[in-house]
Amino acid sequence: MESVSVNKFRDNLKSLIEQVVSRHEPLKVTRRAGEAFVVISAEDWEREQETLHVLQSKALMQQIGESVQTHARGAGYRPTDEQLDEITGL
């Protein structure tokens, strides 16, 4: 994660925010007193929240584990060619 001083952040606010949003990479902003904060795009923050929700849900993690085992055995769901075209938009 890139890190900049709060002064550089303030002086280059527009370009640094654009960088955070377009690259989907958080930016650590450090203050002279030593405390820091992180700037992240709303889209990335929402994705992180969804990930945390899944990781904190025992039922969802169990479903994922079962799905991985099913896939490893080659016994998972196999969509038809028509369904694959619909899914991929072809």
N, C-alpha and C. Protein backbone atom coordinates (compact mmCIF):
# COMPACT_ATOMS: atom_id res chain seq x y z
N MET A 1 0.85 -1.16 0.00
CA MET A 1 0.00 0.00 0.00
C MET A 1 0.90 1.23 0.00
N GLU A 2 0.62 2.12 -0.90
CA GLU A 2 1.37 3.37 -0.98
C GLU A 2 1.05 4.24 0.23
N SER A 3 2.02 5.03 0.64
CA SER A 3 1.85 5.90 1.79
C SER A 3 2.30 7.31 1.44
N VAL A 4 1.53 8.31 1.86
CA VAL A 4 1.89 9.71 1.63
C VAL A 4 1.64 10.50 2.91
N SER A 5 2.29 11.63 3.02
CA SER A 5 2.07 12.50 4.18
C SER A 5 0.74 13.22 4.00
N VAL A 6 0.19 13.69 5.09
CA VAL A 6 -1.08 14.40 5.04
C VAL A 6 -0.93 15.69 4.22
N ASN A 7 0.25 16.31 4.27
CA ASN A 7 0.48 17.52 3.47
C ASN A 7 0.45 17.21 1.98
N LYS A 8 1.13 16.13 1.58
CA LYS A 8 1.10 15.74 0.17
C LYS A 8 -0.31 15.36 -0.25
N PHE A 9 -1.03 14.68 0.63
CA PHE A 9 -2.41 14.29 0.34
C PHE A 9 -3.27 15.53 0.11
N ARG A 10 -3.15 16.50 1.00
CA ARG A 10 -3.94 17.73 0.87
C ARG A 10 -3.58 18.47 -0.42
N ASP A 11 -2.28 18.57 -0.73
CA ASP A 11 -1.83 19.30 -1.91
C ASP A 11 -2.21 18.62 -3.22
N ASN A 12 -2.37 17.31 -3.19
CA ASN A 12 -2.65 16.53 -4.41
C ASN A 12 -3.95 15.75 -4.29
N LEU A 13 -4.89 16.29 -3.56
CA LEU A 13 -6.13 15.58 -3.23
C LEU A 13 -6.81 14.98 -4.46
N LYS A 14 -7.06 15.79 -5.45
CA LYS A 14 -7.82 15.33 -6.62
C LYS A 14 -7.12 14.17 -7.33
N SER A 15 -5.83 14.31 -7.59
CA SER A 15 -5.13 13.25 -8.33
C SER A 15 -4.97 11.99 -7.49
N LEU A 16 -4.74 12.14 -6.19
CA LEU A 16 -4.60 10.96 -5.34
C LEU A 16 -5.92 10.21 -5.19
N ILE A 17 -7.01 10.94 -5.07
CA ILE A 17 -8.32 10.29 -5.00
C ILE A 17 -8.61 9.56 -6.30
N GLU A 18 -8.32 10.20 -7.41
CA GLU A 18 -8.52 9.55 -8.72
C GLU A 18 -7.70 8.27 -8.81
N GLN A 19 -6.49 8.31 -8.30
CA GLN A 19 -5.61 7.13 -8.30
C GLN A 19 -6.21 6.01 -7.46
N VAL A 20 -6.71 6.33 -6.28
CA VAL A 20 -7.33 5.34 -5.39
C VAL A 20 -8.51 4.68 -6.08
N VAL A 21 -9.35 5.49 -6.71
CA VAL A 21 -10.56 4.98 -7.35
C VAL A 21 -10.22 4.16 -8.59
N SER A 22 -9.34 4.66 -9.44
CA SER A 22 -9.07 3.97 -10.71
C SER A 22 -8.22 2.71 -10.55
N ARG A 23 -7.29 2.72 -9.61
CA ARG A 23 -6.41 1.56 -9.42
C ARG A 23 -6.97 0.54 -8.43
N HIS A 24 -8.00 0.92 -7.71
CA HIS A 24 -8.57 0.05 -6.67
C HIS A 24 -7.51 -0.36 -5.65
N GLU A 25 -6.68 0.63 -5.28
CA GLU A 25 -5.65 0.40 -4.27
C GLU A 25 -5.81 1.44 -3.17
N PRO A 26 -5.85 1.00 -1.92
CA PRO A 26 -5.97 1.97 -0.83
C PRO A 26 -4.71 2.82 -0.70
N LEU A 27 -4.86 3.96 -0.07
CA LEU A 27 -3.75 4.88 0.14
C LEU A 27 -3.65 5.19 1.63
N LYS A 28 -2.48 4.97 2.21
CA LYS A 28 -2.26 5.28 3.61
C LYS A 28 -1.76 6.72 3.71
N VAL A 29 -2.42 7.51 4.54
CA VAL A 29 -2.04 8.90 4.74
C VAL A 29 -1.52 9.04 6.17
N THR A 30 -0.27 9.47 6.29
CA THR A 30 0.35 9.57 7.61
C THR A 30 0.36 11.01 8.09
N ARG A 31 0.15 11.14 9.37
CA ARG A 31 0.16 12.46 10.00
C ARG A 31 1.46 12.63 10.78
N ARG A 32 1.84 13.86 10.97
CA ARG A 32 3.09 14.18 11.67
C ARG A 32 3.12 13.57 13.07
N ALA A 33 1.97 13.53 13.73
CA ALA A 33 1.89 12.97 15.08
C ALA A 33 2.03 11.46 15.09
N GLY A 34 2.09 10.85 13.91
CA GLY A 34 2.29 9.41 13.83
C GLY A 34 1.04 8.62 13.52
N GLU A 35 -0.12 9.21 13.76
CA GLU A 35 -1.35 8.51 13.43
C GLU A 35 -1.59 8.56 11.94
N ALA A 36 -2.27 7.56 11.43
CA ALA A 36 -2.50 7.48 9.99
C ALA A 36 -3.95 7.10 9.73
N PHE A 37 -4.37 7.31 8.49
CA PHE A 37 -5.68 6.84 8.05
C PHE A 37 -5.55 6.31 6.64
N VAL A 38 -6.54 5.56 6.22
CA VAL A 38 -6.50 4.93 4.92
C VAL A 38 -7.67 5.45 4.08
N VAL A 39 -7.37 5.77 2.82
CA VAL A 39 -8.39 6.20 1.88
C VAL A 39 -8.64 5.04 0.93
N ILE A 40 -9.91 4.69 0.78
CA ILE A 40 -10.30 3.57 -0.08
C ILE A 40 -11.56 3.97 -0.84
N SER A 41 -11.70 3.50 -2.06
CA SER A 41 -12.89 3.84 -2.84
C SER A 41 -14.13 3.21 -2.21
N ALA A 42 -15.27 3.81 -2.44
CA ALA A 42 -16.52 3.28 -1.90
C ALA A 42 -16.77 1.87 -2.44
N GLU A 43 -16.49 1.66 -3.71
CA GLU A 43 -16.70 0.33 -4.31
C GLU A 43 -15.84 -0.72 -3.61
N ASP A 44 -14.58 -0.39 -3.36
CA ASP A 44 -13.69 -1.34 -2.69
C ASP A 44 -14.12 -1.56 -1.25
N TRP A 45 -14.56 -0.50 -0.57
CA TRP A 45 -15.03 -0.63 0.81
C TRP A 45 -16.24 -1.56 0.88
N GLU A 46 -17.17 -1.38 -0.06
CA GLU A 46 -18.36 -2.25 -0.08
C GLU A 46 -17.97 -3.70 -0.33
N ARG A 47 -17.02 -3.91 -1.23
CA ARG A 47 -16.56 -5.28 -1.50
C ARG A 47 -15.91 -5.89 -0.26
N GLU A 48 -15.12 -5.10 0.46
CA GLU A 48 -14.51 -5.58 1.70
C GLU A 48 -15.57 -5.94 2.73
N GLN A 49 -16.61 -5.13 2.82
CA GLN A 49 -17.69 -5.41 3.78
C GLN A 49 -18.40 -6.71 3.42
N GLU A 50 -18.62 -6.94 2.13
CA GLU A 50 -19.26 -8.19 1.70
C GLU A 50 -18.38 -9.39 2.05
N THR A 51 -17.08 -9.25 1.82
CA THR A 51 -16.14 -10.32 2.15
C THR A 51 -16.16 -10.61 3.64
N LEU A 52 -16.13 -9.57 4.46
CA LEU A 52 -16.19 -9.77 5.91
C LEU A 52 -17.48 -10.46 6.32
N HIS A 53 -18.58 -10.09 5.68
CA HIS A 53 -19.86 -10.72 6.00
C HIS A 53 -19.80 -12.23 5.72
N VAL A 54 -19.26 -12.58 4.57
CA VAL A 54 -19.16 -14.01 4.21
C VAL A 54 -18.24 -14.74 5.20
N LEU A 55 -17.08 -14.14 5.48
CA LEU A 55 -16.13 -14.79 6.39
C LEU A 55 -16.67 -14.95 7.80
N GLN A 56 -17.57 -14.08 8.21
CA GLN A 56 -18.13 -14.15 9.55
C GLN A 56 -19.36 -15.05 9.63
N SER A 57 -19.85 -15.51 8.49
CA SER A 57 -21.04 -16.35 8.47
C SER A 57 -20.63 -17.82 8.42
N LYS A 58 -20.90 -18.52 9.49
CA LYS A 58 -20.55 -19.94 9.56
C LYS A 58 -21.27 -20.73 8.46
N ALA A 59 -22.54 -20.40 8.22
CA ALA A 59 -23.31 -21.12 7.20
C ALA A 59 -22.74 -20.90 5.80
N LEU A 60 -22.39 -19.66 5.48
CA LEU A 60 -21.82 -19.38 4.15
C LEU A 60 -20.46 -20.05 3.98
N MET A 61 -19.63 -20.02 5.01
CA MET A 61 -18.32 -20.66 4.93
C MET A 61 -18.47 -22.17 4.77
N GLN A 62 -19.48 -22.75 5.41
CA GLN A 62 -19.73 -24.18 5.26
C GLN A 62 -20.15 -24.48 3.82
N GLN A 63 -21.02 -23.64 3.25
CA GLN A 63 -21.44 -23.84 1.86
C GLN A 63 -20.24 -23.75 0.91
N ILE A 64 -19.36 -22.81 1.16
CA ILE A 64 -18.17 -22.65 0.32
C ILE A 64 -17.28 -23.89 0.43
N GLY A 65 -17.08 -24.37 1.66
CA GLY A 65 -16.27 -25.57 1.86
C GLY A 65 -16.84 -26.78 1.15
N GLU A 66 -18.16 -26.94 1.24
CA GLU A 66 -18.81 -28.06 0.56
C GLU A 66 -18.69 -27.92 -0.95
N SER A 67 -18.80 -26.71 -1.43
CA SER A 67 -18.69 -26.47 -2.87
C SER A 67 -17.28 -26.79 -3.38
N VAL A 68 -16.27 -26.43 -2.59
CA VAL A 68 -14.89 -26.74 -2.96
C VAL A 68 -14.68 -28.24 -3.03
N GLN A 69 -15.22 -28.97 -2.06
CA GLN A 69 -15.09 -30.43 -2.06
C GLN A 69 -15.82 -31.04 -3.25
N THR A 70 -17.00 -30.55 -3.54
CA THR A 70 -17.78 -31.05 -4.67
C THR A 70 -17.01 -30.81 -5.98
N HIS A 71 -16.45 -29.62 -6.10
CA HIS A 71 -15.68 -29.28 -7.30
C HIS A 71 -14.45 -30.18 -7.43
N ALA A 72 -13.77 -30.42 -6.34
CA ALA A 72 -12.56 -31.26 -6.36
C ALA A 72 -12.89 -32.68 -6.80
N ARG A 73 -14.08 -33.16 -6.47
CA ARG A 73 -14.50 -34.50 -6.89
C ARG A 73 -15.03 -34.51 -8.32
N GLY A 74 -15.20 -33.34 -8.90
CA GLY A 74 -15.75 -33.25 -10.26
C GLY A 74 -17.23 -33.56 -10.28
N ALA A 75 -17.90 -33.37 -9.14
CA ALA A 75 -19.31 -33.73 -9.04
C ALA A 75 -20.21 -32.51 -8.94
N GLY A 76 -19.69 -31.36 -9.29
CA GLY A 76 -20.47 -30.14 -9.17
C GLY A 76 -21.47 -29.95 -10.29
N TYR A 77 -22.22 -28.89 -10.18
CA TYR A 77 -23.22 -28.53 -11.18
C TYR A 77 -22.53 -28.21 -12.51
N ARG A 78 -23.08 -28.72 -13.60
CA ARG A 78 -22.54 -28.46 -14.93
C ARG A 78 -23.64 -27.84 -15.79
N PRO A 79 -23.52 -26.54 -16.04
CA PRO A 79 -24.54 -25.89 -16.86
C PRO A 79 -24.46 -26.37 -18.31
N THR A 80 -25.59 -26.30 -19.00
CA THR A 80 -25.62 -26.64 -20.43
C THR A 80 -24.91 -25.55 -21.21
N ASP A 81 -24.62 -25.83 -22.47
CA ASP A 81 -23.99 -24.83 -23.33
C ASP A 81 -24.86 -23.57 -23.43
N GLU A 82 -26.17 -23.77 -23.50
CA GLU A 82 -27.10 -22.65 -23.58
C GLU A 82 -27.04 -21.81 -22.30
N GLN A 83 -26.97 -22.45 -21.16
CA GLN A 83 -26.88 -21.73 -19.90
C GLN A 83 -25.54 -20.97 -19.81
N LEU A 84 -24.47 -21.61 -20.26
CA LEU A 84 -23.17 -20.93 -20.26
C LEU A 84 -23.20 -19.69 -21.14
N ASP A 85 -23.83 -19.79 -22.31
CA ASP A 85 -23.95 -18.62 -23.20
C ASP A 85 -24.74 -17.51 -22.53
N GLU A 86 -25.77 -17.88 -21.81
CA GLU A 86 -26.58 -16.89 -21.11
C GLU A 86 -25.79 -16.22 -19.98
N ILE A 87 -25.02 -17.02 -19.26
CA ILE A 87 -24.22 -16.51 -18.15
C ILE A 87 -23.13 -15.56 -18.67
N THR A 88 -22.46 -15.97 -19.74
CA THR A 88 -21.36 -15.17 -20.25
C THR A 88 -21.80 -14.08 -21.20
N GLY A 89 -23.06 -14.08 -21.59
CA GLY A 89 -23.57 -13.03 -22.47
C GLY A 89 -23.20 -13.22 -23.93
N LEU A 90 -22.88 -14.43 -24.32
CA LEU A 90 -22.50 -14.69 -25.71
C LEU A 90 -23.71 -15.03 -26.55
